[in-house]
Amino acid sequence: MLVGFMASRPGRWIRILAGAGLVCGGLSSGSSRGGAVALLGLVPLMAGALDVCLLGPLFGHPWRGSDIRRGLGLPEEERLIKSRYERLPPHERVLLH
């Protein structure tokens, strides 16, 4: 269940925000240890942004978040940020074709 959450949209946002916090906190310290923390923070930041779950193989799942969601039967999520058009109810969307 942990891997399913980490592959979901909220799990990806948590990884991105945690990674950004580690990068900002590490860089603000100005020490070599802070630089190491900043480099370490790039791992969850990039993994969340690229839809890769590093815990997946440890629990017998693939790397890619879309494959994990498909394998667990979770709804497929297209984007990390929904556009205004995607947030509209289906009856309010206008299709031009």
PDB file of N, CA and C in Angstrom:
ATOM      1  N   MET A   1       0.817  -1.199   0.000  1.00  0.00           N
ATOM      2  CA  MET A   1       0.000   0.000   0.000  1.00  0.00           C
ATOM      3  C   MET A   1       0.861   1.264   0.000  1.00  0.00           C
ATOM      4  N   LEU A   2       2.033   1.191   0.639  1.00  0.00           N
ATOM      5  CA  LEU A   2       2.941   2.332   0.670  1.00  0.00           C
ATOM      6  C   LEU A   2       3.400   2.701  -0.732  1.00  0.00           C
ATOM      7  N   VAL A   3       3.720   1.692  -1.532  1.00  0.00           N
ATOM      8  CA  VAL A   3       4.189   1.958  -2.891  1.00  0.00           C
ATOM      9  C   VAL A   3       3.060   2.552  -3.723  1.00  0.00           C
ATOM     10  N   GLY A   4       1.834   2.083  -3.527  1.00  0.00           N
ATOM     11  CA  GLY A   4       0.687   2.651  -4.245  1.00  0.00           C
ATOM     12  C   GLY A   4       0.479   4.120  -3.908  1.00  0.00           C
ATOM     13  N   PHE A   5       0.647   4.476  -2.633  1.00  0.00           N
ATOM     14  CA  PHE A   5       0.514   5.873  -2.256  1.00  0.00           C
ATOM     15  C   PHE A   5       1.646   6.710  -2.832  1.00  0.00           C
ATOM     16  N   MET A   6       2.866   6.203  -2.784  1.00  0.00           N
ATOM     17  CA  MET A   6       4.005   6.953  -3.300  1.00  0.00           C
ATOM     18  C   MET A   6       3.911   7.165  -4.808  1.00  0.00           C
ATOM     19  N   ALA A   7       3.213   6.278  -5.519  1.00  0.00           N
ATOM     20  CA  ALA A   7       3.045   6.429  -6.963  1.00  0.00           C
ATOM     21  C   ALA A   7       1.853   7.315  -7.308  1.00  0.00           C
ATOM     22  N   SER A   8       1.022   7.659  -6.320  1.00  0.00           N
ATOM     23  CA  SER A   8      -0.148   8.493  -6.585  1.00  0.00           C
ATOM     24  C   SER A   8       0.255   9.967  -6.661  1.00  0.00           C
ATOM     25  N   ARG A   9      -0.678  10.792  -7.082  1.00  0.00           N
ATOM     26  CA  ARG A   9      -0.403  12.231  -7.201  1.00  0.00           C
ATOM     27  C   ARG A   9      -0.024  12.852  -5.850  1.00  0.00           C
ATOM     28  N   PRO A  10      -0.766  12.600  -4.756  1.00  0.00           N
ATOM     29  CA  PRO A  10      -0.344  13.181  -3.465  1.00  0.00           C
ATOM     30  C   PRO A  10       1.027  12.671  -3.003  1.00  0.00           C
ATOM     31  N   GLY A  11       1.322  11.401  -3.251  1.00  0.00           N
ATOM     32  CA  GLY A  11       2.627  10.868  -2.880  1.00  0.00           C
ATOM     33  C   GLY A  11       3.759  11.514  -3.654  1.00  0.00           C
ATOM     34  N   ARG A  12       3.507  11.779  -4.923  1.00  0.00           N
ATOM     35  CA  ARG A  12       4.515  12.461  -5.737  1.00  0.00           C
ATOM     36  C   ARG A  12       4.739  13.879  -5.225  1.00  0.00           C
ATOM     37  N   TRP A  13       3.668  14.582  -4.873  1.00  0.00           N
ATOM     38  CA  TRP A  13       3.818  15.951  -4.355  1.00  0.00           C
ATOM     39  C   TRP A  13       4.579  15.955  -3.041  1.00  0.00           C
ATOM     40  N   ILE A  14       4.322  14.973  -2.187  1.00  0.00           N
ATOM     41  CA  ILE A  14       5.045  14.903  -0.912  1.00  0.00           C
ATOM     42  C   ILE A  14       6.530  14.694  -1.159  1.00  0.00           C
ATOM     43  N   ARG A  15       6.881  13.816  -2.109  1.00  0.00           N
ATOM     44  CA  ARG A  15       8.296  13.599  -2.418  1.00  0.00           C
ATOM     45  C   ARG A  15       8.943  14.844  -2.996  1.00  0.00           C
ATOM     46  N   ILE A  16       8.221  15.544  -3.869  1.00  0.00           N
ATOM     47  CA  ILE A  16       8.764  16.770  -4.461  1.00  0.00           C
ATOM     48  C   ILE A  16       8.994  17.827  -3.393  1.00  0.00           C
ATOM     49  N   LEU A  17       8.018  18.037  -2.521  1.00  0.00           N
ATOM     50  CA  LEU A  17       8.150  19.054  -1.475  1.00  0.00           C
ATOM     51  C   LEU A  17       9.224  18.685  -0.446  1.00  0.00           C
ATOM     52  N   ALA A  18       9.306  17.399  -0.092  1.00  0.00           N
ATOM     53  CA  ALA A  18      10.344  16.981   0.853  1.00  0.00           C
ATOM     54  C   ALA A  18      11.733  17.161   0.238  1.00  0.00           C
ATOM     55  N   GLY A  19      11.873  16.798  -1.024  1.00  0.00           N
ATOM     56  CA  GLY A  19      13.155  16.979  -1.692  1.00  0.00           C
ATOM     57  C   GLY A  19      13.536  18.443  -1.817  1.00  0.00           C
ATOM     58  N   ALA A  20      12.560  19.289  -2.157  1.00  0.00           N
ATOM     59  CA  ALA A  20      12.835  20.723  -2.260  1.00  0.00           C
ATOM     60  C   ALA A  20      13.210  21.300  -0.899  1.00  0.00           C
ATOM     61  N   GLY A  21      12.561  20.819   0.157  1.00  0.00           N
ATOM     62  CA  GLY A  21      12.910  21.270   1.507  1.00  0.00           C
ATOM     63  C   GLY A  21      14.321  20.871   1.892  1.00  0.00           C
ATOM     64  N   LEU A  22      14.720  19.645   1.539  1.00  0.00           N
ATOM     65  CA  LEU A  22      16.090  19.215   1.832  1.00  0.00           C
ATOM     66  C   LEU A  22      17.108  20.033   1.039  1.00  0.00           C
ATOM     67  N   VAL A  23      16.802  20.312  -0.221  1.00  0.00           N
ATOM     68  CA  VAL A  23      17.723  21.106  -1.039  1.00  0.00           C
ATOM     69  C   VAL A  23      17.857  22.513  -0.475  1.00  0.00           C
ATOM     70  N   CYS A  24      16.747  23.156  -0.179  1.00  0.00           N
ATOM     71  CA  CYS A  24      16.788  24.527   0.350  1.00  0.00           C
ATOM     72  C   CYS A  24      17.466  24.584   1.722  1.00  0.00           C
ATOM     73  N   GLY A  25      17.122  23.633   2.582  1.00  0.00           N
ATOM     74  CA  GLY A  25      17.738  23.613   3.912  1.00  0.00           C
ATOM     75  C   GLY A  25      19.223  23.329   3.847  1.00  0.00           C
ATOM     76  N   GLY A  26      19.617  22.418   2.980  1.00  0.00           N
ATOM     77  CA  GLY A  26      21.036  22.106   2.849  1.00  0.00           C
ATOM     78  C   GLY A  26      21.838  23.260   2.292  1.00  0.00           C
ATOM     79  N   LEU A  27      21.277  23.930   1.280  1.00  0.00           N
ATOM     80  CA  LEU A  27      21.995  25.058   0.686  1.00  0.00           C
ATOM     81  C   LEU A  27      22.056  26.260   1.622  1.00  0.00           C
ATOM     82  N   SER A  28      21.039  26.427   2.449  1.00  0.00           N
ATOM     83  CA  SER A  28      21.035  27.583   3.346  1.00  0.00           C
ATOM     84  C   SER A  28      22.033  27.432   4.490  1.00  0.00           C
ATOM     85  N   SER A  29      22.448  26.202   4.792  1.00  0.00           N
ATOM     86  CA  SER A  29      23.396  26.027   5.888  1.00  0.00           C
ATOM     87  C   SER A  29      24.795  26.508   5.504  1.00  0.00           C
ATOM     88  N   GLY A  30      25.152  26.395   4.239  1.00  0.00           N
ATOM     89  CA  GLY A  30      26.444  26.897   3.795  1.00  0.00           C
ATOM     90  C   GLY A  30      27.624  26.030   4.165  1.00  0.00           C
ATOM     91  N   SER A  31      27.404  24.841   4.664  1.00  0.00           N
ATOM     92  CA  SER A  31      28.511  23.955   5.032  1.00  0.00           C
ATOM     93  C   SER A  31      28.608  22.800   4.036  1.00  0.00           C
ATOM     94  N   SER A  32      29.665  22.034   4.152  1.00  0.00           N
ATOM     95  CA  SER A  32      29.810  20.875   3.265  1.00  0.00           C
ATOM     96  C   SER A  32      28.789  19.800   3.605  1.00  0.00           C
ATOM     97  N   ARG A  33      28.445  19.689   4.867  1.00  0.00           N
ATOM     98  CA  ARG A  33      27.413  18.735   5.273  1.00  0.00           C
ATOM     99  C   ARG A  33      26.048  19.158   4.709  1.00  0.00           C
ATOM    100  N   GLY A  34      25.797  20.450   4.674  1.00  0.00           N
ATOM    101  CA  GLY A  34      24.569  20.956   4.079  1.00  0.00           C
ATOM    102  C   GLY A  34      24.531  20.713   2.585  1.00  0.00           C
ATOM    103  N   GLY A  35      25.682  20.808   1.937  1.00  0.00           N
ATOM    104  CA  GLY A  35      25.755  20.495   0.515  1.00  0.00           C
ATOM    105  C   GLY A  35      25.421  19.038   0.241  1.00  0.00           C
ATOM    106  N   ALA A  36      25.857  18.153   1.131  1.00  0.00           N
ATOM    107  CA  ALA A  36      25.537  16.733   0.997  1.00  0.00           C
ATOM    108  C   ALA A  36      24.041  16.494   1.175  1.00  0.00           C
ATOM    109  N   VAL A  37      23.441  17.214   2.119  1.00  0.00           N
ATOM    110  CA  VAL A  37      21.994  17.098   2.326  1.00  0.00           C
ATOM    111  C   VAL A  37      21.245  17.612   1.098  1.00  0.00           C
ATOM    112  N   ALA A  38      21.732  18.696   0.494  1.00  0.00           N
ATOM    113  CA  ALA A  38      21.106  19.240  -0.708  1.00  0.00           C
ATOM    114  C   ALA A  38      21.192  18.245  -1.861  1.00  0.00           C
ATOM    115  N   LEU A  39      22.336  17.599  -2.019  1.00  0.00           N
ATOM    116  CA  LEU A  39      22.468  16.581  -3.067  1.00  0.00           C
ATOM    117  C   LEU A  39      21.555  15.398  -2.798  1.00  0.00           C
ATOM    118  N   LEU A  40      21.432  15.010  -1.541  1.00  0.00           N
ATOM    119  CA  LEU A  40      20.535  13.922  -1.176  1.00  0.00           C
ATOM    120  C   LEU A  40      19.078  14.302  -1.451  1.00  0.00           C
ATOM    121  N   GLY A  41      18.729  15.567  -1.261  1.00  0.00           N
ATOM    122  CA  GLY A  41      17.369  16.030  -1.514  1.00  0.00           C
ATOM    123  C   GLY A  41      16.986  16.009  -2.979  1.00  0.00           C
ATOM    124  N   LEU A  42      17.980  15.994  -3.866  1.00  0.00           N
ATOM    125  CA  LEU A  42      17.673  15.906  -5.296  1.00  0.00           C
ATOM    126  C   LEU A  42      17.053  14.568  -5.680  1.00  0.00           C
ATOM    127  N   VAL A  43      17.341  13.525  -4.905  1.00  0.00           N
ATOM    128  CA  VAL A  43      16.814  12.191  -5.225  1.00  0.00           C
ATOM    129  C   VAL A  43      15.289  12.159  -5.133  1.00  0.00           C
ATOM    130  N   PRO A  44      14.650  12.497  -3.998  1.00  0.00           N
ATOM    131  CA  PRO A  44      13.185  12.476  -3.980  1.00  0.00           C
ATOM    132  C   PRO A  44      12.556  13.554  -4.860  1.00  0.00           C
ATOM    133  N   LEU A  45      13.239  14.682  -5.001  1.00  0.00           N
ATOM    134  CA  LEU A  45      12.725  15.752  -5.855  1.00  0.00           C
ATOM    135  C   LEU A  45      12.601  15.272  -7.298  1.00  0.00           C
ATOM    136  N   MET A  46      13.655  14.706  -7.831  1.00  0.00           N
ATOM    137  CA  MET A  46      13.629  14.244  -9.217  1.00  0.00           C
ATOM    138  C   MET A  46      12.766  12.993  -9.384  1.00  0.00           C
ATOM    139  N   ALA A  47      12.762  12.114  -8.396  1.00  0.00           N
ATOM    140  CA  ALA A  47      11.939  10.908  -8.499  1.00  0.00           C
ATOM    141  C   ALA A  47      10.458  11.265  -8.547  1.00  0.00           C
ATOM    142  N   GLY A  48      10.036  12.223  -7.742  1.00  0.00           N
ATOM    143  CA  GLY A  48       8.637  12.639  -7.775  1.00  0.00           C
ATOM    144  C   GLY A  48       8.282  13.360  -9.052  1.00  0.00           C
ATOM    145  N   ALA A  49       9.183  14.189  -9.538  1.00  0.00           N
ATOM    146  CA  ALA A  49       8.915  14.947 -10.758  1.00  0.00           C
ATOM    147  C   ALA A  49       8.889  14.049 -11.992  1.00  0.00           C
ATOM    148  N   LEU A  50       9.705  13.008 -12.000  1.00  0.00           N
ATOM    149  CA  LEU A  50       9.785  12.118 -13.161  1.00  0.00           C
ATOM    150  C   LEU A  50       8.876  10.897 -13.056  1.00  0.00           C
ATOM    151  N   ASP A  51       8.067  10.804 -12.003  1.00  0.00           N
ATOM    152  CA  ASP A  51       7.141   9.690 -11.775  1.00  0.00           C
ATOM    153  C   ASP A  51       7.887   8.361 -11.707  1.00  0.00           C
ATOM    154  N   VAL A  52       8.923   8.333 -10.886  1.00  0.00           N
ATOM    155  CA  VAL A  52       9.697   7.123 -10.637  1.00  0.00           C
ATOM    156  C   VAL A  52       9.601   6.825  -9.151  1.00  0.00           C
ATOM    157  N   CYS A  53       9.327   5.578  -8.805  1.00  0.00           N
ATOM    158  CA  CYS A  53       9.236   5.190  -7.397  1.00  0.00           C
ATOM    159  C   CYS A  53      10.413   4.273  -7.079  1.00  0.00           C
ATOM    160  N   LEU A  54      11.363   4.776  -6.310  1.00  0.00           N
ATOM    161  CA  LEU A  54      12.562   4.009  -6.003  1.00  0.00           C
ATOM    162  C   LEU A  54      12.286   2.855  -5.046  1.00  0.00           C
ATOM    163  N   LEU A  55      11.181   2.900  -4.308  1.00  0.00           N
ATOM    164  CA  LEU A  55      10.820   1.809  -3.408  1.00  0.00           C
ATOM    165  C   LEU A  55      10.118   0.668  -4.133  1.00  0.00           C
ATOM    166  N   GLY A  56       9.693   0.889  -5.355  1.00  0.00           N
ATOM    167  CA  GLY A  56       8.954  -0.129  -6.103  1.00  0.00           C
ATOM    168  C   GLY A  56       9.660  -1.462  -6.198  1.00  0.00           C
ATOM    169  N   PRO A  57      10.904  -1.523  -6.677  1.00  0.00           N
ATOM    170  CA  PRO A  57      11.587  -2.819  -6.788  1.00  0.00           C
ATOM    171  C   PRO A  57      11.802  -3.527  -5.448  1.00  0.00           C
ATOM    172  N   LEU A  58      11.882  -2.772  -4.358  1.00  0.00           N
ATOM    173  CA  LEU A  58      12.036  -3.412  -3.045  1.00  0.00           C
ATOM    174  C   LEU A  58      10.797  -4.199  -2.642  1.00  0.00           C
ATOM    175  N   PHE A  59       9.628  -3.800  -3.169  1.00  0.00           N
ATOM    176  CA  PHE A  59       8.377  -4.470  -2.850  1.00  0.00           C
ATOM    177  C   PHE A  59       7.840  -5.286  -4.024  1.00  0.00           C
ATOM    178  N   GLY A  60       8.672  -5.529  -5.036  1.00  0.00           N
ATOM    179  CA  GLY A  60       8.275  -6.366  -6.161  1.00  0.00           C
ATOM    180  C   GLY A  60       7.460  -5.657  -7.223  1.00  0.00           C
ATOM    181  N   HIS A  61       7.569  -4.347  -7.313  1.00  0.00           N
ATOM    182  CA  HIS A  61       6.850  -3.566  -8.318  1.00  0.00           C
ATOM    183  C   HIS A  61       7.864  -2.957  -9.286  1.00  0.00           C
ATOM    184  N   PRO A  62       7.402  -2.481 -10.445  1.00  0.00           N
ATOM    185  CA  PRO A  62       8.332  -1.819 -11.376  1.00  0.00           C
ATOM    186  C   PRO A  62       8.749  -0.434 -10.891  1.00  0.00           C
ATOM    187  N   TRP A  63       9.677   0.195 -11.618  1.00  0.00           N
ATOM    188  CA  TRP A  63      10.181   1.530 -11.293  1.00  0.00           C
ATOM    189  C   TRP A  63       9.174   2.617 -11.594  1.00  0.00           C
ATOM    190  N   ARG A  64       8.546   2.536 -12.763  1.00  0.00           N
ATOM    191  CA  ARG A  64       7.688   3.623 -13.244  1.00  0.00           C
ATOM    192  C   ARG A  64       6.383   3.682 -12.473  1.00  0.00           C
ATOM    193  N   GLY A  65       5.973   4.910 -12.126  1.00  0.00           N
ATOM    194  CA  GLY A  65       4.742   5.103 -11.370  1.00  0.00           C
ATOM    195  C   GLY A  65       3.506   4.670 -12.134  1.00  0.00           C
ATOM    196  N   SER A  66       3.468   4.894 -13.439  1.00  0.00           N
ATOM    197  CA  SER A  66       2.304   4.496 -14.228  1.00  0.00           C
ATOM    198  C   SER A  66       2.151   2.979 -14.243  1.00  0.00           C
ATOM    199  N   ASP A  67       3.262   2.246 -14.298  1.00  0.00           N
ATOM    200  CA  ASP A  67       3.192   0.784 -14.265  1.00  0.00           C
ATOM    201  C   ASP A  67       2.734   0.282 -12.897  1.00  0.00           C
ATOM    202  N   ILE A  68       3.158   0.950 -11.843  1.00  0.00           N
ATOM    203  CA  ILE A  68       2.729   0.562 -10.495  1.00  0.00           C
ATOM    204  C   ILE A  68       1.227   0.773 -10.351  1.00  0.00           C
ATOM    205  N   ARG A  69       0.739   1.957 -10.786  1.00  0.00           N
ATOM    206  CA  ARG A  69      -0.694   2.229 -10.671  1.00  0.00           C
ATOM    207  C   ARG A  69      -1.505   1.239 -11.491  1.00  0.00           C
ATOM    208  N   ARG A  70      -1.043   0.901 -12.682  1.00  0.00           N
ATOM    209  CA  ARG A  70      -1.751  -0.054 -13.530  1.00  0.00           C
ATOM    210  C   ARG A  70      -1.766  -1.431 -12.880  1.00  0.00           C
ATOM    211  N   GLY A  71      -0.631  -1.849 -12.305  1.00  0.00           N
ATOM    212  CA  GLY A  71      -0.539  -3.159 -11.672  1.00  0.00           C
ATOM    213  C   GLY A  71      -1.386  -3.275 -10.420  1.00  0.00           C
ATOM    214  N   LEU A  72      -1.546  -2.188  -9.686  1.00  0.00           N
ATOM    215  CA  LEU A  72      -2.352  -2.208  -8.462  1.00  0.00           C
ATOM    216  C   LEU A  72      -3.815  -1.891  -8.715  1.00  0.00           C
ATOM    217  N   GLY A  73      -4.171  -1.562  -9.950  1.00  0.00           N
ATOM    218  CA  GLY A  73      -5.558  -1.237 -10.270  1.00  0.00           C
ATOM    219  C   GLY A  73      -5.980   0.149  -9.823  1.00  0.00           C
ATOM    220  N   LEU A  74      -5.014   1.034  -9.610  1.00  0.00           N
ATOM    221  CA  LEU A  74      -5.321   2.407  -9.218  1.00  0.00           C
ATOM    222  C   LEU A  74      -5.637   3.236 -10.456  1.00  0.00           C
ATOM    223  N   PRO A  75      -6.384   4.331 -10.312  1.00  0.00           N
ATOM    224  CA  PRO A  75      -6.686   5.156 -11.484  1.00  0.00           C
ATOM    225  C   PRO A  75      -5.418   5.772 -12.075  1.00  0.00           C
ATOM    226  N   GLU A  76      -5.381   5.779 -13.391  1.00  0.00           N
ATOM    227  CA  GLU A  76      -4.229   6.346 -14.100  1.00  0.00           C
ATOM    228  C   GLU A  76      -4.313   7.863 -14.050  1.00  0.00           C
ATOM    229  N   GLU A  77      -3.225   8.501 -13.663  1.00  0.00           N
ATOM    230  CA  GLU A  77      -3.175   9.954 -13.576  1.00  0.00           C
ATOM    231  C   GLU A  77      -2.301  10.477 -14.703  1.00  0.00           C
ATOM    232  N   GLU A  78      -2.834  11.417 -15.473  1.00  0.00           N
ATOM    233  CA  GLU A  78      -2.097  11.901 -16.624  1.00  0.00           C
ATOM    234  C   GLU A  78      -1.002  12.880 -16.239  1.00  0.00           C
ATOM    235  N   ARG A  79      -1.332  13.875 -15.447  1.00  0.00           N
ATOM    236  CA  ARG A  79      -0.386  14.947 -15.145  1.00  0.00           C
ATOM    237  C   ARG A  79      -0.295  15.183 -13.652  1.00  0.00           C
ATOM    238  N   LEU A  80       0.786  15.810 -13.280  1.00  0.00           N
ATOM    239  CA  LEU A  80       0.979  16.170 -11.875  1.00  0.00           C
ATOM    240  C   LEU A  80       0.103  17.358 -11.501  1.00  0.00           C
ATOM    241  N   ILE A  81      -0.042  18.305 -12.432  1.00  0.00           N
ATOM    242  CA  ILE A  81      -0.878  19.480 -12.211  1.00  0.00           C
ATOM    243  C   ILE A  81      -1.981  19.474 -13.262  1.00  0.00           C
ATOM    244  N   LYS A  82      -3.232  19.508 -12.807  1.00  0.00           N
ATOM    245  CA  LYS A  82      -4.356  19.540 -13.745  1.00  0.00           C
ATOM    246  C   LYS A  82      -4.581  20.955 -14.251  1.00  0.00           C
ATOM    247  N   SER A  83      -4.888  21.060 -15.532  1.00  0.00           N
ATOM    248  CA  SER A  83      -5.203  22.368 -16.101  1.00  0.00           C
ATOM    249  C   SER A  83      -6.629  22.761 -15.722  1.00  0.00           C
ATOM    250  N   ARG A  84      -6.986  23.997 -15.985  1.00  0.00           N
ATOM    251  CA  ARG A  84      -8.336  24.471 -15.677  1.00  0.00           C
ATOM    252  C   ARG A  84      -9.365  23.682 -16.463  1.00  0.00           C
ATOM    253  N   TYR A  85      -9.051  23.347 -17.707  1.00  0.00           N
ATOM    254  CA  TYR A  85      -9.972  22.574 -18.551  1.00  0.00           C
ATOM    255  C   TYR A  85     -10.216  21.182 -17.966  1.00  0.00           C
ATOM    256  N   GLU A  86      -9.193  20.549 -17.463  1.00  0.00           N
ATOM    257  CA  GLU A  86      -9.335  19.205 -16.901  1.00  0.00           C
ATOM    258  C   GLU A  86     -10.128  19.203 -15.601  1.00  0.00           C
ATOM    259  N   ARG A  87     -10.181  20.338 -14.902  1.00  0.00           N
ATOM    260  CA  ARG A  87     -10.942  20.417 -13.651  1.00  0.00           C
ATOM    261  C   ARG A  87     -12.421  20.661 -13.883  1.00  0.00           C
ATOM    262  N   LEU A  88     -12.816  21.034 -15.113  1.00  0.00           N
ATOM    263  CA  LEU A  88     -14.230  21.268 -15.403  1.00  0.00           C
ATOM    264  C   LEU A  88     -14.985  19.946 -15.431  1.00  0.00           C
ATOM    265  N   PRO A  89     -16.265  19.958 -15.036  1.00  0.00           N
ATOM    266  CA  PRO A  89     -17.072  18.750 -15.172  1.00  0.00           C
ATOM    267  C   PRO A  89     -17.220  18.398 -16.651  1.00  0.00           C
ATOM    268  N   PRO A  90     -17.414  17.123 -16.976  1.00  0.00           N
ATOM    269  CA  PRO A  90     -17.486  16.710 -18.380  1.00  0.00           C
ATOM    270  C   PRO A  90     -18.550  17.436 -19.194  1.00  0.00           C
ATOM    271  N   HIS A  91     -19.683  17.798 -18.581  1.00  0.00           N
ATOM    272  CA  HIS A  91     -20.740  18.450 -19.354  1.00  0.00           C
ATOM    273  C   HIS A  91     -20.416  19.910 -19.680  1.00  0.00           C
ATOM    274  N   GLU A  92     -19.402  20.485 -19.018  1.00  0.00           N
ATOM    275  CA  GLU A  92     -19.015  21.861 -19.296  1.00  0.00           C
ATOM    276  C   GLU A  92     -17.824  21.978 -20.251  1.00  0.00           C
ATOM    277  N   ARG A  93     -17.242  20.855 -20.626  1.00  0.00           N
ATOM    278  CA  ARG A  93     -16.111  20.876 -21.538  1.00  0.00           C
ATOM    279  C   ARG A  93     -16.626  21.012 -22.975  1.00  0.00           C
ATOM    280  N   VAL A  94     -15.984  21.868 -23.740  1.00  0.00           N
ATOM    281  CA  VAL A  94     -16.365  22.079 -25.119  1.00  0.00           C
ATOM    282  C   VAL A  94     -15.291  21.478 -26.014  1.00  0.00           C
ATOM    283  N   LEU A  95     -15.715  20.592 -26.905  1.00  0.00           N
ATOM    284  CA  LEU A  95     -14.780  19.964 -27.814  1.00  0.00           C
ATOM    285  C   LEU A  95     -14.957  20.556 -29.198  1.00  0.00           C
ATOM    286  N   LEU A  96     -13.876  20.950 -29.812  1.00  0.00           N
ATOM    287  CA  LEU A  96     -13.925  21.471 -31.160  1.00  0.00           C
ATOM    288  C   LEU A  96     -13.277  20.458 -32.096  1.00  0.00           C
ATOM    289  N   HIS A  97     -14.115  19.789 -32.886  1.00  0.00           N
ATOM    290  CA  HIS A  97     -13.585  18.858 -33.882  1.00  0.00           C
ATOM    291  C   HIS A  97     -14.584  18.601 -34.940  1.00  0.00           C
TER     292      HIS A  97
END
